[in-house]
Amino acid sequence: MIKRVSQFSLLAAAFSILAGCASYSISEKDMTRYLQDSININQSVGVESMMYAQVAVEDLQVKIGRADADRVSVFANTNAQVQVFNMPNIGLDLDIEFSAIPEYDKENGEVYLKSLRLESIDEKGKQLPENIANLLRPAVSMIGLALSQQPVYKLSATKVQEALLKSADPNLVIKNNALVIELFD
């Protein structure tokens, strides 16, 4: 009888652990903090002394499922230095918005952004003529490429719930402006 109660207690404890780990939510704040702490993006394009742009991301903010239900939006405040021929460098303040579909790498417990789209570039002050402003698009696109090749969130191997999810075969969905990693559909 004691053996049976002991087995039942063990089974109940295992079930409650698994039930507590059935899903894990990654909030906009969690992902923003992760990106700010772990990604440093500084891209350049062109030929120095001719036409050259260097773009550095200063601040990132993430919005999940707001513009499109299945996409993550990343807002980047950037500084750009643009050089056109022998003119002095022009410093620019740019606000950039990307959107992407999140994908979960089950092997490594990492979230990546795929099918990245450049949604908007807003140049504060409008200092550049349109033909020269087009030089920024390739540099900005390289920022998007860098975002899609690095994880935007990684589950921790030291936290029990995250480690259990990492070892399972979960699905990634967007619910209530958060990424949710679920064990069950």
N, C-alpha and C. Protein backbone atom coordinates (compact mmCIF):
# COMPACT_ATOMS: atom_id res chain seq x y z
N MET A 1 0.81 -1.19 0.00
CA MET A 1 0.00 0.00 0.00
C MET A 1 0.87 1.26 0.00
N ILE A 2 1.92 1.27 0.83
CA ILE A 2 2.82 2.42 0.90
C ILE A 2 3.54 2.59 -0.42
N LYS A 3 3.91 1.47 -1.05
CA LYS A 3 4.59 1.51 -2.33
C LYS A 3 3.68 2.14 -3.39
N ARG A 4 2.40 1.77 -3.34
CA ARG A 4 1.44 2.28 -4.31
C ARG A 4 1.21 3.80 -4.11
N VAL A 5 1.12 4.25 -2.86
CA VAL A 5 0.96 5.67 -2.56
C VAL A 5 2.21 6.43 -2.99
N SER A 6 3.37 5.84 -2.78
CA SER A 6 4.63 6.45 -3.17
C SER A 6 4.70 6.61 -4.69
N GLN A 7 4.29 5.58 -5.43
CA GLN A 7 4.28 5.65 -6.90
C GLN A 7 3.31 6.71 -7.38
N PHE A 8 2.12 6.76 -6.74
CA PHE A 8 1.12 7.75 -7.10
C PHE A 8 1.65 9.17 -6.84
N SER A 9 2.32 9.36 -5.71
CA SER A 9 2.88 10.67 -5.37
C SER A 9 3.95 11.09 -6.38
N LEU A 10 4.78 10.14 -6.76
CA LEU A 10 5.83 10.42 -7.74
C LEU A 10 5.21 10.78 -9.09
N LEU A 11 4.19 10.03 -9.50
CA LEU A 11 3.50 10.30 -10.75
C LEU A 11 2.82 11.67 -10.71
N ALA A 12 2.19 12.01 -9.61
CA ALA A 12 1.54 13.32 -9.45
C ALA A 12 2.55 14.45 -9.51
N ALA A 13 3.70 14.25 -8.88
CA ALA A 13 4.74 15.28 -8.90
C ALA A 13 5.28 15.48 -10.32
N ALA A 14 5.52 14.38 -11.02
CA ALA A 14 6.01 14.47 -12.41
C ALA A 14 4.98 15.17 -13.30
N PHE A 15 3.71 14.84 -13.12
CA PHE A 15 2.65 15.46 -13.91
C PHE A 15 2.59 16.96 -13.63
N SER A 16 2.68 17.36 -12.36
CA SER A 16 2.60 18.79 -12.05
C SER A 16 3.82 19.55 -12.59
N ILE A 17 4.97 18.92 -12.62
CA ILE A 17 6.16 19.56 -13.21
C ILE A 17 5.95 19.74 -14.71
N LEU A 18 5.47 18.69 -15.38
CA LEU A 18 5.23 18.78 -16.82
C LEU A 18 4.12 19.78 -17.13
N ALA A 19 3.08 19.80 -16.33
CA ALA A 19 1.98 20.73 -16.56
C ALA A 19 2.47 22.17 -16.43
N GLY A 20 3.34 22.41 -15.49
CA GLY A 20 3.90 23.75 -15.31
C GLY A 20 4.83 24.13 -16.45
N CYS A 21 5.34 23.15 -17.16
CA CYS A 21 6.27 23.39 -18.26
C CYS A 21 5.59 23.23 -19.61
N ALA A 22 4.28 23.15 -19.64
CA ALA A 22 3.57 22.92 -20.90
C ALA A 22 3.76 24.07 -21.87
N SER A 23 4.07 25.25 -21.36
CA SER A 23 4.34 26.37 -22.25
C SER A 23 5.25 27.38 -21.54
N TYR A 24 5.88 28.18 -22.34
CA TYR A 24 6.77 29.22 -21.82
C TYR A 24 6.56 30.46 -22.68
N SER A 25 6.30 31.58 -22.07
CA SER A 25 6.05 32.83 -22.81
C SER A 25 7.29 33.70 -22.81
N ILE A 26 7.56 34.27 -23.97
CA ILE A 26 8.63 35.25 -24.13
C ILE A 26 7.95 36.58 -24.44
N SER A 27 8.02 37.51 -23.53
CA SER A 27 7.33 38.79 -23.71
C SER A 27 8.16 39.71 -24.62
N GLU A 28 7.52 40.78 -25.05
CA GLU A 28 8.22 41.80 -25.84
C GLU A 28 9.40 42.36 -25.04
N LYS A 29 9.17 42.57 -23.75
CA LYS A 29 10.23 43.11 -22.87
C LYS A 29 11.40 42.13 -22.76
N ASP A 30 11.10 40.81 -22.62
CA ASP A 30 12.15 39.79 -22.52
C ASP A 30 13.01 39.78 -23.79
N MET A 31 12.33 39.79 -24.95
CA MET A 31 13.07 39.73 -26.21
C MET A 31 13.86 41.01 -26.45
N THR A 32 13.27 42.16 -26.12
CA THR A 32 13.98 43.43 -26.27
C THR A 32 15.25 43.43 -25.41
N ARG A 33 15.11 42.99 -24.16
CA ARG A 33 16.27 42.95 -23.25
C ARG A 33 17.34 42.00 -23.80
N TYR A 34 16.92 40.83 -24.28
CA TYR A 34 17.88 39.87 -24.83
C TYR A 34 18.63 40.48 -26.01
N LEU A 35 17.91 41.12 -26.93
CA LEU A 35 18.55 41.73 -28.10
C LEU A 35 19.52 42.83 -27.69
N GLN A 36 19.11 43.68 -26.77
CA GLN A 36 19.97 44.79 -26.35
C GLN A 36 21.23 44.28 -25.66
N ASP A 37 21.11 43.17 -24.94
CA ASP A 37 22.27 42.62 -24.22
C ASP A 37 23.19 41.79 -25.09
N SER A 38 22.67 41.18 -26.16
CA SER A 38 23.48 40.18 -26.86
C SER A 38 23.80 40.49 -28.32
N ILE A 39 23.17 41.50 -28.90
CA ILE A 39 23.44 41.76 -30.32
C ILE A 39 24.02 43.16 -30.48
N ASN A 40 25.16 43.22 -31.15
CA ASN A 40 25.80 44.48 -31.48
C ASN A 40 25.89 44.55 -33.00
N ILE A 41 25.16 45.49 -33.57
CA ILE A 41 25.11 45.56 -35.04
C ILE A 41 25.70 46.88 -35.51
N ASN A 42 26.69 46.76 -36.37
CA ASN A 42 27.37 47.89 -36.98
C ASN A 42 27.71 47.46 -38.41
N GLN A 43 27.06 48.04 -39.41
CA GLN A 43 27.24 47.62 -40.80
C GLN A 43 27.69 48.79 -41.66
N SER A 44 28.46 48.48 -42.70
CA SER A 44 28.87 49.52 -43.65
C SER A 44 28.76 48.97 -45.06
N VAL A 45 28.61 49.90 -46.00
CA VAL A 45 28.48 49.53 -47.41
C VAL A 45 29.05 50.66 -48.26
N GLY A 46 29.60 50.32 -49.41
CA GLY A 46 30.12 51.31 -50.34
C GLY A 46 31.64 51.33 -50.36
N VAL A 47 32.17 52.35 -51.01
CA VAL A 47 33.62 52.52 -51.14
C VAL A 47 33.98 53.85 -50.50
N GLU A 48 34.87 53.79 -49.51
CA GLU A 48 35.27 55.02 -48.83
C GLU A 48 35.85 56.01 -49.82
N SER A 49 35.64 57.29 -49.57
CA SER A 49 36.04 58.42 -50.40
C SER A 49 35.20 58.54 -51.67
N MET A 50 34.27 57.64 -51.88
CA MET A 50 33.35 57.76 -53.02
C MET A 50 31.93 57.89 -52.46
N MET A 51 31.27 56.76 -52.28
CA MET A 51 29.96 56.73 -51.63
C MET A 51 30.03 55.63 -50.59
N TYR A 52 29.81 56.00 -49.33
CA TYR A 52 30.02 55.08 -48.23
C TYR A 52 29.03 55.40 -47.11
N ALA A 53 28.47 54.36 -46.53
CA ALA A 53 27.57 54.56 -45.39
C ALA A 53 27.91 53.55 -44.30
N GLN A 54 27.93 54.02 -43.07
CA GLN A 54 28.14 53.15 -41.92
C GLN A 54 26.94 53.36 -40.99
N VAL A 55 26.29 52.24 -40.65
CA VAL A 55 25.07 52.30 -39.85
C VAL A 55 25.27 51.48 -38.58
N ALA A 56 25.00 52.09 -37.43
CA ALA A 56 25.13 51.40 -36.14
C ALA A 56 23.80 51.46 -35.40
N VAL A 57 23.37 50.33 -34.88
CA VAL A 57 22.12 50.26 -34.13
C VAL A 57 22.38 50.73 -32.71
N GLU A 58 21.60 51.71 -32.28
CA GLU A 58 21.73 52.28 -30.94
C GLU A 58 20.74 51.64 -29.96
N ASP A 59 19.52 51.44 -30.41
CA ASP A 59 18.46 51.00 -29.50
C ASP A 59 17.50 50.10 -30.28
N LEU A 60 17.06 49.02 -29.67
CA LEU A 60 16.13 48.10 -30.29
C LEU A 60 14.88 47.96 -29.42
N GLN A 61 13.75 47.79 -30.06
CA GLN A 61 12.51 47.51 -29.35
C GLN A 61 11.73 46.48 -30.16
N VAL A 62 11.11 45.54 -29.48
CA VAL A 62 10.38 44.45 -30.12
C VAL A 62 8.89 44.58 -29.82
N LYS A 63 8.10 44.35 -30.85
CA LYS A 63 6.64 44.26 -30.72
C LYS A 63 6.23 42.93 -31.35
N ILE A 64 5.45 42.16 -30.63
CA ILE A 64 5.09 40.81 -31.08
C ILE A 64 3.61 40.74 -31.45
N GLY A 65 3.34 40.37 -32.70
CA GLY A 65 1.98 40.14 -33.15
C GLY A 65 1.10 41.36 -33.16
N ARG A 66 1.64 42.54 -33.25
CA ARG A 66 0.82 43.75 -33.21
C ARG A 66 0.44 44.21 -34.63
N ALA A 67 1.41 44.38 -35.51
CA ALA A 67 1.10 44.82 -36.87
C ALA A 67 0.50 43.67 -37.69
N ASP A 68 1.11 42.51 -37.59
CA ASP A 68 0.62 41.28 -38.23
C ASP A 68 0.58 40.21 -37.16
N ALA A 69 -0.47 39.43 -37.16
CA ALA A 69 -0.68 38.43 -36.10
C ALA A 69 0.43 37.39 -36.02
N ASP A 70 1.09 37.10 -37.13
CA ASP A 70 2.11 36.03 -37.14
C ASP A 70 3.54 36.57 -37.25
N ARG A 71 3.72 37.87 -37.07
CA ARG A 71 5.05 38.46 -37.25
C ARG A 71 5.52 39.21 -36.00
N VAL A 72 6.83 39.29 -35.89
CA VAL A 72 7.50 40.07 -34.85
C VAL A 72 8.06 41.32 -35.52
N SER A 73 7.81 42.48 -34.94
CA SER A 73 8.37 43.73 -35.45
C SER A 73 9.55 44.14 -34.59
N VAL A 74 10.61 44.56 -35.24
CA VAL A 74 11.80 45.05 -34.54
C VAL A 74 12.02 46.49 -34.98
N PHE A 75 12.01 47.39 -34.02
CA PHE A 75 12.25 48.81 -34.27
C PHE A 75 13.67 49.12 -33.83
N ALA A 76 14.44 49.71 -34.73
CA ALA A 76 15.84 50.02 -34.43
C ALA A 76 16.09 51.51 -34.61
N ASN A 77 16.58 52.15 -33.56
CA ASN A 77 17.04 53.52 -33.68
C ASN A 77 18.52 53.44 -34.02
N THR A 78 18.90 54.05 -35.13
CA THR A 78 20.27 53.90 -35.61
C THR A 78 20.89 55.26 -35.90
N ASN A 79 22.20 55.25 -35.86
CA ASN A 79 22.98 56.40 -36.32
C ASN A 79 23.72 55.97 -37.57
N ALA A 80 23.75 56.85 -38.55
CA ALA A 80 24.46 56.55 -39.79
C ALA A 80 25.42 57.69 -40.11
N GLN A 81 26.55 57.31 -40.62
CA GLN A 81 27.52 58.27 -41.15
C GLN A 81 27.59 58.02 -42.65
N VAL A 82 27.29 59.05 -43.42
CA VAL A 82 27.28 58.92 -44.88
C VAL A 82 28.36 59.82 -45.45
N GLN A 83 29.14 59.25 -46.35
CA GLN A 83 30.20 60.00 -47.02
C GLN A 83 29.93 59.96 -48.53
N VAL A 84 29.87 61.13 -49.14
CA VAL A 84 29.66 61.22 -50.58
C VAL A 84 30.84 61.99 -51.16
N PHE A 85 31.65 61.29 -51.94
CA PHE A 85 32.87 61.84 -52.54
C PHE A 85 33.71 62.53 -51.48
N ASN A 86 34.17 63.72 -51.70
CA ASN A 86 35.05 64.37 -50.74
C ASN A 86 34.31 65.34 -49.82
N MET A 87 33.00 65.24 -49.79
CA MET A 87 32.22 66.10 -48.91
C MET A 87 32.40 65.63 -47.47
N PRO A 88 32.16 66.52 -46.51
CA PRO A 88 32.24 66.09 -45.11
C PRO A 88 31.18 65.01 -44.82
N ASN A 89 31.49 64.16 -43.86
CA ASN A 89 30.52 63.13 -43.47
C ASN A 89 29.23 63.77 -42.98
N ILE A 90 28.14 63.11 -43.29
CA ILE A 90 26.83 63.56 -42.83
C ILE A 90 26.34 62.56 -41.80
N GLY A 91 26.03 63.05 -40.60
CA GLY A 91 25.50 62.19 -39.55
C GLY A 91 23.98 62.17 -39.63
N LEU A 92 23.41 60.98 -39.57
CA LEU A 92 21.96 60.83 -39.69
C LEU A 92 21.41 60.04 -38.51
N ASP A 93 20.20 60.37 -38.16
CA ASP A 93 19.46 59.63 -37.13
C ASP A 93 18.31 58.93 -37.86
N LEU A 94 18.31 57.61 -37.84
CA LEU A 94 17.33 56.83 -38.58
C LEU A 94 16.51 55.95 -37.65
N ASP A 95 15.23 55.87 -37.93
CA ASP A 95 14.36 54.90 -37.29
C ASP A 95 13.98 53.87 -38.34
N ILE A 96 14.25 52.61 -38.03
CA ILE A 96 14.04 51.52 -38.98
C ILE A 96 13.10 50.50 -38.36
N GLU A 97 12.21 49.98 -39.18
CA GLU A 97 11.32 48.91 -38.72
C GLU A 97 11.45 47.71 -39.64
N PHE A 98 11.71 46.56 -39.02
CA PHE A 98 11.71 45.28 -39.71
C PHE A 98 10.56 44.46 -39.15
N SER A 99 10.06 43.53 -39.95
CA SER A 99 9.15 42.53 -39.40
C SER A 99 9.60 41.18 -39.92
N ALA A 100 9.31 40.13 -39.14
CA ALA A 100 9.76 38.80 -39.51
C ALA A 100 8.88 37.75 -38.85
N ILE A 101 8.97 36.55 -39.38
CA ILE A 101 8.27 35.41 -38.80
C ILE A 101 9.24 34.70 -37.86
N PRO A 102 8.84 34.52 -36.60
CA PRO A 102 9.74 33.84 -35.66
C PRO A 102 9.78 32.33 -35.92
N GLU A 103 10.96 31.76 -35.80
CA GLU A 103 11.14 30.31 -35.93
C GLU A 103 11.92 29.82 -34.72
N TYR A 104 11.54 28.65 -34.23
CA TYR A 104 12.19 28.07 -33.07
C TYR A 104 13.11 26.95 -33.50
N ASP A 105 14.38 27.04 -33.12
CA ASP A 105 15.37 25.99 -33.37
C ASP A 105 15.32 25.06 -32.17
N LYS A 106 14.71 23.90 -32.35
CA LYS A 106 14.47 22.97 -31.24
C LYS A 106 15.77 22.38 -30.69
N GLU A 107 16.76 22.21 -31.55
CA GLU A 107 18.03 21.63 -31.11
C GLU A 107 18.76 22.50 -30.11
N ASN A 108 18.74 23.81 -30.37
CA ASN A 108 19.51 24.74 -29.53
C ASN A 108 18.65 25.57 -28.58
N GLY A 109 17.32 25.47 -28.70
CA GLY A 109 16.44 26.26 -27.85
C GLY A 109 16.53 27.74 -28.16
N GLU A 110 16.65 28.09 -29.46
CA GLU A 110 16.83 29.48 -29.87
C GLU A 110 15.70 29.90 -30.80
N VAL A 111 15.34 31.18 -30.72
CA VAL A 111 14.35 31.77 -31.61
C VAL A 111 15.09 32.65 -32.62
N TYR A 112 14.78 32.45 -33.90
CA TYR A 112 15.35 33.24 -34.99
C TYR A 112 14.25 33.99 -35.71
N LEU A 113 14.60 35.06 -36.39
CA LEU A 113 13.66 35.79 -37.22
C LEU A 113 13.92 35.44 -38.68
N LYS A 114 12.90 34.93 -39.37
CA LYS A 114 13.02 34.53 -40.76
C LYS A 114 12.02 35.30 -41.61
N SER A 115 12.20 35.24 -42.91
CA SER A 115 11.33 35.98 -43.85
C SER A 115 11.26 37.45 -43.45
N LEU A 116 12.43 38.03 -43.24
CA LEU A 116 12.55 39.40 -42.77
C LEU A 116 12.13 40.39 -43.86
N ARG A 117 11.35 41.39 -43.47
CA ARG A 117 10.94 42.47 -44.37
C ARG A 117 11.36 43.79 -43.77
N LEU A 118 11.88 44.66 -44.62
CA LEU A 118 12.14 46.04 -44.20
C LEU A 118 10.83 46.79 -44.37
N GLU A 119 10.23 47.22 -43.28
CA GLU A 119 8.92 47.88 -43.33
C GLU A 119 9.05 49.38 -43.56
N SER A 120 10.01 50.00 -42.88
CA SER A 120 10.15 51.46 -43.05
C SER A 120 11.52 51.94 -42.61
N ILE A 121 11.94 53.05 -43.24
CA ILE A 121 13.14 53.80 -42.84
C ILE A 121 12.70 55.25 -42.74
N ASP A 122 12.90 55.85 -41.59
CA ASP A 122 12.53 57.25 -41.40
C ASP A 122 13.80 58.02 -41.04
N GLU A 123 14.17 58.92 -41.92
CA GLU A 123 15.35 59.76 -41.67
C GLU A 123 14.88 61.05 -41.01
N LYS A 124 15.29 61.24 -39.77
CA LYS A 124 14.92 62.47 -39.06
C LYS A 124 15.73 63.63 -39.63
N GLY A 125 15.07 64.69 -40.02
CA GLY A 125 15.77 65.86 -40.56
C GLY A 125 15.85 65.88 -42.07
N LYS A 126 15.66 64.76 -42.73
CA LYS A 126 15.66 64.68 -44.21
C LYS A 126 16.82 65.47 -44.82
N GLN A 127 18.06 65.09 -44.44
CA GLN A 127 19.23 65.81 -44.91
C GLN A 127 19.75 65.33 -46.26
N LEU A 128 19.41 64.12 -46.65
CA LEU A 128 19.99 63.55 -47.86
C LEU A 128 19.03 63.64 -49.05
N PRO A 129 19.58 63.93 -50.24
CA PRO A 129 18.76 63.83 -51.44
C PRO A 129 18.37 62.36 -51.68
N GLU A 130 17.27 62.14 -52.36
CA GLU A 130 16.72 60.79 -52.55
C GLU A 130 17.73 59.81 -53.16
N ASN A 131 18.48 60.25 -54.19
CA ASN A 131 19.41 59.32 -54.83
C ASN A 131 20.52 58.87 -53.89
N ILE A 132 20.94 59.73 -52.98
CA ILE A 132 21.98 59.35 -52.02
C ILE A 132 21.37 58.56 -50.87
N ALA A 133 20.15 58.89 -50.49
CA ALA A 133 19.46 58.14 -49.42
C ALA A 133 19.30 56.68 -49.81
N ASN A 134 19.20 56.40 -51.09
CA ASN A 134 19.09 55.01 -51.55
C ASN A 134 20.32 54.19 -51.21
N LEU A 135 21.46 54.85 -50.98
CA LEU A 135 22.68 54.17 -50.56
C LEU A 135 22.49 53.50 -49.19
N LEU A 136 21.62 54.06 -48.37
CA LEU A 136 21.40 53.52 -47.03
C LEU A 136 20.66 52.18 -47.05
N ARG A 137 19.82 51.97 -48.06
CA ARG A 137 19.02 50.73 -48.10
C ARG A 137 19.88 49.47 -48.01
N PRO A 138 20.99 49.35 -48.78
CA PRO A 138 21.81 48.14 -48.64
C PRO A 138 22.40 47.98 -47.23
N ALA A 139 22.83 49.08 -46.61
CA ALA A 139 23.39 48.99 -45.25
C ALA A 139 22.30 48.56 -44.28
N VAL A 140 21.11 49.13 -44.43
CA VAL A 140 19.99 48.77 -43.57
C VAL A 140 19.59 47.31 -43.80
N SER A 141 19.61 46.87 -45.04
CA SER A 141 19.30 45.47 -45.34
C SER A 141 20.31 44.53 -44.68
N MET A 142 21.56 44.96 -44.59
CA MET A 142 22.56 44.13 -43.92
C MET A 142 22.28 44.02 -42.43
N ILE A 143 21.68 45.06 -41.85
CA ILE A 143 21.27 44.98 -40.44
C ILE A 143 20.20 43.90 -40.31
N GLY A 144 19.26 43.90 -41.24
CA GLY A 144 18.23 42.86 -41.24
C GLY A 144 18.81 41.48 -41.39
N LEU A 145 19.80 41.34 -42.27
CA LEU A 145 20.46 40.05 -42.45
C LEU A 145 21.15 39.61 -41.16
N ALA A 146 21.80 40.56 -40.48
CA ALA A 146 22.45 40.23 -39.21
C ALA A 146 21.42 39.79 -38.17
N LEU A 147 20.26 40.44 -38.15
CA LEU A 147 19.19 40.05 -37.22
C LEU A 147 18.67 38.65 -37.50
N SER A 148 18.64 38.27 -38.77
CA SER A 148 18.08 36.96 -39.12
C SER A 148 19.07 35.82 -38.91
N GLN A 149 20.35 36.14 -38.75
CA GLN A 149 21.35 35.09 -38.60
C GLN A 149 21.76 34.84 -37.15
N GLN A 150 21.30 35.69 -36.24
CA GLN A 150 21.62 35.52 -34.83
C GLN A 150 20.33 35.24 -34.07
N PRO A 151 20.40 34.44 -33.02
CA PRO A 151 19.17 34.21 -32.26
C PRO A 151 18.70 35.51 -31.61
N VAL A 152 17.38 35.70 -31.59
CA VAL A 152 16.81 36.88 -30.94
C VAL A 152 16.35 36.54 -29.53
N TYR A 153 16.41 35.25 -29.21
CA TYR A 153 16.13 34.79 -27.84
C TYR A 153 16.65 33.37 -27.71
N LYS A 154 17.19 33.04 -26.53
CA LYS A 154 17.69 31.69 -26.29
C LYS A 154 17.21 31.22 -24.92
N LEU A 155 16.65 30.00 -24.90
CA LEU A 155 16.23 29.43 -23.63
C LEU A 155 17.45 29.12 -22.79
N SER A 156 17.33 29.28 -21.50
CA SER A 156 18.43 29.05 -20.58
C SER A 156 18.50 27.57 -20.21
N ALA A 157 19.68 27.02 -20.19
CA ALA A 157 19.87 25.63 -19.77
C ALA A 157 19.90 25.51 -18.25
N THR A 158 20.00 26.64 -17.54
CA THR A 158 20.10 26.60 -16.08
C THR A 158 18.74 26.76 -15.39
N LYS A 159 17.72 27.18 -16.11
CA LYS A 159 16.38 27.31 -15.54
C LYS A 159 15.61 26.04 -15.89
N VAL A 160 15.04 25.39 -14.89
CA VAL A 160 14.42 24.07 -15.05
C VAL A 160 13.35 24.08 -16.14
N GLN A 161 12.41 25.01 -16.09
CA GLN A 161 11.32 25.04 -17.06
C GLN A 161 11.85 25.21 -18.48
N GLU A 162 12.80 26.14 -18.67
CA GLU A 162 13.36 26.38 -19.99
C GLU A 162 14.17 25.17 -20.47
N ALA A 163 14.91 24.53 -19.56
CA ALA A 163 15.70 23.36 -19.93
C ALA A 163 14.80 22.20 -20.35
N LEU A 164 13.68 22.00 -19.64
CA LEU A 164 12.75 20.93 -20.02
C LEU A 164 12.12 21.20 -21.39
N LEU A 165 11.75 22.45 -21.65
CA LEU A 165 11.19 22.79 -22.96
C LEU A 165 12.23 22.60 -24.06
N LYS A 166 13.45 22.96 -23.75
CA LYS A 166 14.54 22.85 -24.72
C LYS A 166 14.76 21.39 -25.13
N SER A 167 14.56 20.46 -24.20
CA SER A 167 14.80 19.05 -24.49
C SER A 167 13.59 18.38 -25.14
N ALA A 168 12.46 19.08 -25.21
CA ALA A 168 11.25 18.51 -25.80
C ALA A 168 11.15 18.90 -27.27
N ASP A 169 9.97 18.71 -27.85
CA ASP A 169 9.73 19.05 -29.25
C ASP A 169 8.56 20.03 -29.32
N PRO A 170 8.75 21.28 -28.81
CA PRO A 170 7.64 22.21 -28.71
C PRO A 170 7.34 22.95 -30.02
N ASN A 171 6.21 23.66 -30.00
CA ASN A 171 5.81 24.53 -31.11
C ASN A 171 5.94 25.98 -30.66
N LEU A 172 6.14 26.87 -31.63
CA LEU A 172 6.23 28.30 -31.35
C LEU A 172 5.01 28.98 -31.94
N VAL A 173 4.26 29.71 -31.11
CA VAL A 173 3.08 30.44 -31.57
C VAL A 173 3.10 31.85 -30.96
N ILE A 174 2.33 32.74 -31.56
CA ILE A 174 2.19 34.08 -31.02
C ILE A 174 0.81 34.17 -30.39
N LYS A 175 0.79 34.55 -29.10
CA LYS A 175 -0.46 34.72 -28.36
C LYS A 175 -0.33 35.94 -27.45
N ASN A 176 -1.32 36.79 -27.47
CA ASN A 176 -1.37 37.93 -26.56
C ASN A 176 -0.07 38.74 -26.54
N ASN A 177 0.44 39.06 -27.72
CA ASN A 177 1.65 39.86 -27.88
C ASN A 177 2.87 39.26 -27.18
N ALA A 178 2.96 37.93 -27.23
CA ALA A 178 4.12 37.22 -26.69
C ALA A 178 4.39 36.00 -27.57
N LEU A 179 5.63 35.57 -27.60
CA LEU A 179 5.96 34.30 -28.23
C LEU A 179 5.73 33.23 -27.18
N VAL A 180 5.02 32.18 -27.56
CA VAL A 180 4.73 31.11 -26.61
C VAL A 180 5.30 29.82 -27.18
N ILE A 181 6.15 29.19 -26.40
CA ILE A 181 6.71 27.89 -26.77
C ILE A 181 5.87 26.87 -26.03
N GLU A 182 5.14 26.04 -26.80
CA GLU A 182 4.19 25.10 -26.23
C GLU A 182 4.64 23.65 -26.47
N LEU A 183 4.41 22.83 -25.46
CA LEU A 183 4.65 21.40 -25.64
C LEU A 183 3.52 20.71 -26.39
N PHE A 184 2.31 21.22 -26.18
CA PHE A 184 1.15 20.58 -26.78
C PHE A 184 0.41 21.59 -27.62
N ASP A 185 -0.20 21.14 -28.73
CA ASP A 185 -1.01 22.04 -29.58
C ASP A 185 -2.30 22.39 -28.91
